[in-house]
Protein backbone atom coordinates (compact mmCIF):
# COMPACT_ATOMS: atom_id res chain seq x y z
CA MET A 1 -14.89 9.29 35.83
CA ALA A 2 -18.76 8.62 34.74
CA ASP A 3 -19.35 12.61 35.08
CA VAL A 4 -16.19 12.89 32.35
CA PHE A 5 -17.97 11.52 29.80
CA LEU A 6 -21.35 12.89 30.36
CA LYS A 7 -19.68 16.03 28.92
CA ASN A 8 -20.99 17.62 25.70
CA ASN A 9 -17.91 17.78 23.68
CA SER A 10 -20.41 18.32 20.38
CA ALA A 11 -18.59 22.07 19.90
CA ARG A 12 -15.54 21.21 19.05
CA GLY A 13 -16.56 17.77 16.66
CA ASP A 14 -15.78 14.98 19.00
CA SER A 15 -18.41 13.13 20.49
CA ASP A 16 -18.64 11.69 23.94
CA ARG A 17 -18.91 7.99 22.93
CA ALA A 18 -15.89 8.54 19.98
CA GLN A 19 -13.87 9.66 23.50
CA ARG A 20 -15.37 6.58 25.46
CA ILE A 21 -13.79 3.61 22.60
CA ALA A 22 -11.00 5.82 22.38
CA PHE A 23 -9.90 5.76 25.33
CA LEU A 24 -11.02 1.63 26.27
CA VAL A 25 -8.99 0.41 22.80
CA SER A 26 -5.82 2.94 24.57
CA ILE A 27 -6.09 1.05 27.52
CA ALA A 28 -6.29 -2.05 26.24
CA GLY A 29 -3.86 -1.82 24.11
CA ALA A 30 -1.48 -0.51 26.72
CA LEU A 31 -2.59 -3.46 29.18
CA LEU A 32 -1.64 -6.00 26.03
CA ASN A 33 1.51 -3.41 25.49
CA ALA A 34 2.63 -4.42 29.45
CA VAL A 35 1.89 -8.54 29.21
CA LEU A 36 3.84 -8.33 25.68
CA PHE A 37 7.04 -6.34 27.37
CA THR A 38 6.78 -8.60 29.91
CA MET A 39 6.63 -11.82 27.92
CA TYR A 40 9.30 -10.53 26.17
CA ALA A 41 11.83 -9.78 28.86
CA PHE A 42 11.06 -13.43 30.43
CA ASN A 43 11.86 -14.91 27.03
CA ASP A 44 15.12 -12.24 26.42
CA GLY A 45 15.52 -10.93 29.47
CA ILE A 46 15.57 -6.88 29.47
CA SER A 47 17.18 -5.05 26.78
CA PRO A 48 17.50 -0.84 25.98
CA LEU A 49 15.65 -2.31 22.33
CA LEU A 50 12.40 -4.19 24.31
CA ILE A 51 12.18 -0.82 26.54
CA VAL A 52 12.85 1.90 23.67
CA ASN A 53 10.00 -0.36 22.01
CA ALA A 54 7.74 -0.95 24.88
CA ALA A 55 8.14 3.20 25.44
CA PHE A 56 6.78 4.08 22.27
CA TYR A 57 4.10 2.32 22.60
CA MET A 58 2.95 3.11 25.76
CA LEU A 59 3.97 6.64 25.35
CA PRO A 60 1.50 7.51 22.30
CA LEU A 61 -1.67 4.82 24.22
CA GLY A 62 -1.04 6.96 27.55
CA LEU A 63 -1.17 9.84 26.07
CA ILE A 64 -4.92 9.43 24.03
CA ALA A 65 -6.16 7.23 27.13
CA TYR A 66 -5.19 11.05 29.58
CA ALA A 67 -6.81 13.11 27.01
CA SER A 68 -9.63 11.01 25.89
CA TYR A 69 -10.49 10.29 29.85
CA ASN A 70 -9.84 14.51 30.71
CA SER A 71 -11.07 15.88 27.27
CA TRP A 72 -7.72 17.74 27.08
CA HIS A 73 -6.62 18.46 22.96
CA PHE A 74 -8.72 15.21 22.34
CA ARG A 75 -8.25 14.79 18.84
CA THR A 76 -4.76 16.66 18.08
CA ALA A 77 -4.21 14.26 20.50
CA LEU A 78 -5.13 10.84 19.05
CA ASP A 79 -3.95 12.04 15.83
CA ALA A 80 -0.47 12.90 17.49
CA GLY A 81 -0.89 8.88 18.48
CA VAL A 82 -1.94 7.51 16.11
CA GLY A 83 1.21 9.09 13.65
CA VAL A 84 3.88 8.34 16.60
CA ILE A 85 2.99 4.37 16.77
CA TYR A 86 2.27 4.11 13.03
CA PHE A 87 5.52 5.26 11.69
CA TYR A 88 6.64 3.72 14.83
CA MET A 89 5.28 0.56 13.15
CA TRP A 90 6.59 0.94 9.75
CA ALA A 91 10.76 1.73 10.87
CA THR A 92 10.80 -0.80 13.06
CA THR A 93 9.95 -2.90 10.50
CA PHE A 94 12.49 -1.68 7.87
CA PHE A 95 15.33 -1.47 10.87
CA ASP A 96 14.61 -5.31 11.24
CA ALA A 97 14.72 -6.64 7.64
CA ILE A 98 17.80 -3.81 7.44
CA SER A 99 19.75 -5.94 10.33
CA GLY A 100 18.47 -9.58 8.31
CA HIS A 101 15.18 -10.41 9.53
CA PRO A 102 12.60 -10.26 8.16
CA SER A 103 9.42 -12.01 9.12
CA VAL A 104 6.83 -12.98 7.43
CA LEU A 105 4.44 -11.96 9.11
CA SER A 106 5.14 -8.03 8.75
CA TYR A 107 4.35 -7.95 5.57
CA PRO A 108 0.31 -9.00 5.80
CA THR A 109 0.34 -7.50 9.91
CA LEU A 110 2.13 -3.96 8.01
CA LEU A 111 -1.07 -4.05 5.19
CA PHE A 112 -4.18 -4.01 7.57
CA ILE A 113 -3.51 -3.02 11.05
CA PRO A 114 -2.03 0.27 10.10
CA PHE A 115 -5.15 0.84 7.57
CA LEU A 116 -7.56 0.43 10.76
CA MET A 117 -5.56 3.26 13.37
CA ILE A 118 -5.08 5.29 10.44
CA LEU A 119 -9.82 5.34 9.75
CA VAL A 120 -10.23 7.19 13.70
CA SER A 121 -8.26 9.74 11.74
CA ARG A 122 -9.53 12.79 9.61
CA TYR A 123 -10.46 13.15 6.12
CA GLN A 124 -7.07 15.18 5.27
CA LEU A 125 -5.09 12.87 7.59
CA LEU A 126 -6.46 9.74 5.46
CA ILE A 127 -5.63 11.49 1.95
CA GLY A 128 -1.29 11.51 2.85
CA TYR A 129 -1.70 8.54 4.62
CA ALA A 130 -2.43 7.33 1.75
CA PHE A 131 -0.29 8.42 -0.07
CA VAL A 132 2.32 7.73 2.51
CA GLN A 133 1.05 3.71 3.06
CA SER A 134 0.83 3.01 -0.75
CA ALA A 135 4.73 4.29 -0.70
CA LEU A 136 6.52 2.21 1.79
CA VAL A 137 4.32 -0.98 0.72
CA TYR A 138 5.77 -0.13 -2.52
CA LEU A 139 9.07 -0.14 -0.96
CA TYR A 140 9.40 -2.58 1.28
CA GLY A 141 8.19 -5.40 -0.87
CA GLU A 142 10.84 -4.63 -3.44
CA MET A 143 13.53 -4.41 -0.87
CA PHE A 144 12.49 -7.06 1.32
CA LEU A 145 9.62 -9.38 -0.08
CA ALA A 146 12.25 -12.17 -1.64
CA GLN A 147 14.35 -12.10 1.37
CA ALA A 148 11.21 -12.21 3.62
CA PHE A 149 9.80 -15.32 1.73
CA GLY A 150 12.76 -17.40 1.43
CA TYR A 151 13.65 -17.05 -2.18
CA ASP A 152 15.77 -15.83 -4.51
CA GLY A 153 14.67 -12.46 -5.85
CA LEU A 154 16.89 -12.48 -8.91
CA SER A 155 15.46 -14.82 -10.05
CA VAL A 156 11.60 -14.56 -10.16
CA ASP A 157 9.97 -11.70 -10.84
CA THR A 158 8.25 -9.87 -7.52
CA SER A 159 7.66 -5.75 -8.90
CA MET A 160 3.89 -6.61 -9.69
CA LEU A 161 3.10 -8.02 -6.61
CA PRO A 162 3.90 -4.53 -4.79
CA LEU A 163 3.08 -2.31 -7.10
CA LEU A 164 -0.54 -4.19 -6.78
CA LEU A 165 -0.56 -4.50 -2.40
CA ALA A 166 0.60 -0.14 -3.04
CA VAL A 167 -2.56 0.49 -4.83
């Protein structure tokens, strides 16, 4: 294992340190995902939605761990894995909100967690993520902020807060 991380990847622009960090973070994320899956399975039982949720987080994390450990298309796997997790987080948040179950914690979580995830991306992807993140923050705030926090959206104007957070 140690000799894999001693290979020099500077010709491709990927540092050994970046691969080690990606490997350790993806393994920690996979373990956390397994613990959360187990807790939900014990509390609510195993459902198809729970299996899909666990798989949509476990597969990209496993791909990142494999690519970083074996120096196999590391940057591509990292970008693809982060992208899948990013868009899946937003999709499940919108699905929950459309289903009538928006969480109070989903809005602050989706303001910061994707931001921390996408920081590992290349600058070209960062520009794209910035526009997508702004649009999604605005849409979610405009559509579900009143519903998530439990006040009447007709009596309280919430249009400026999502706009401010999106900017």
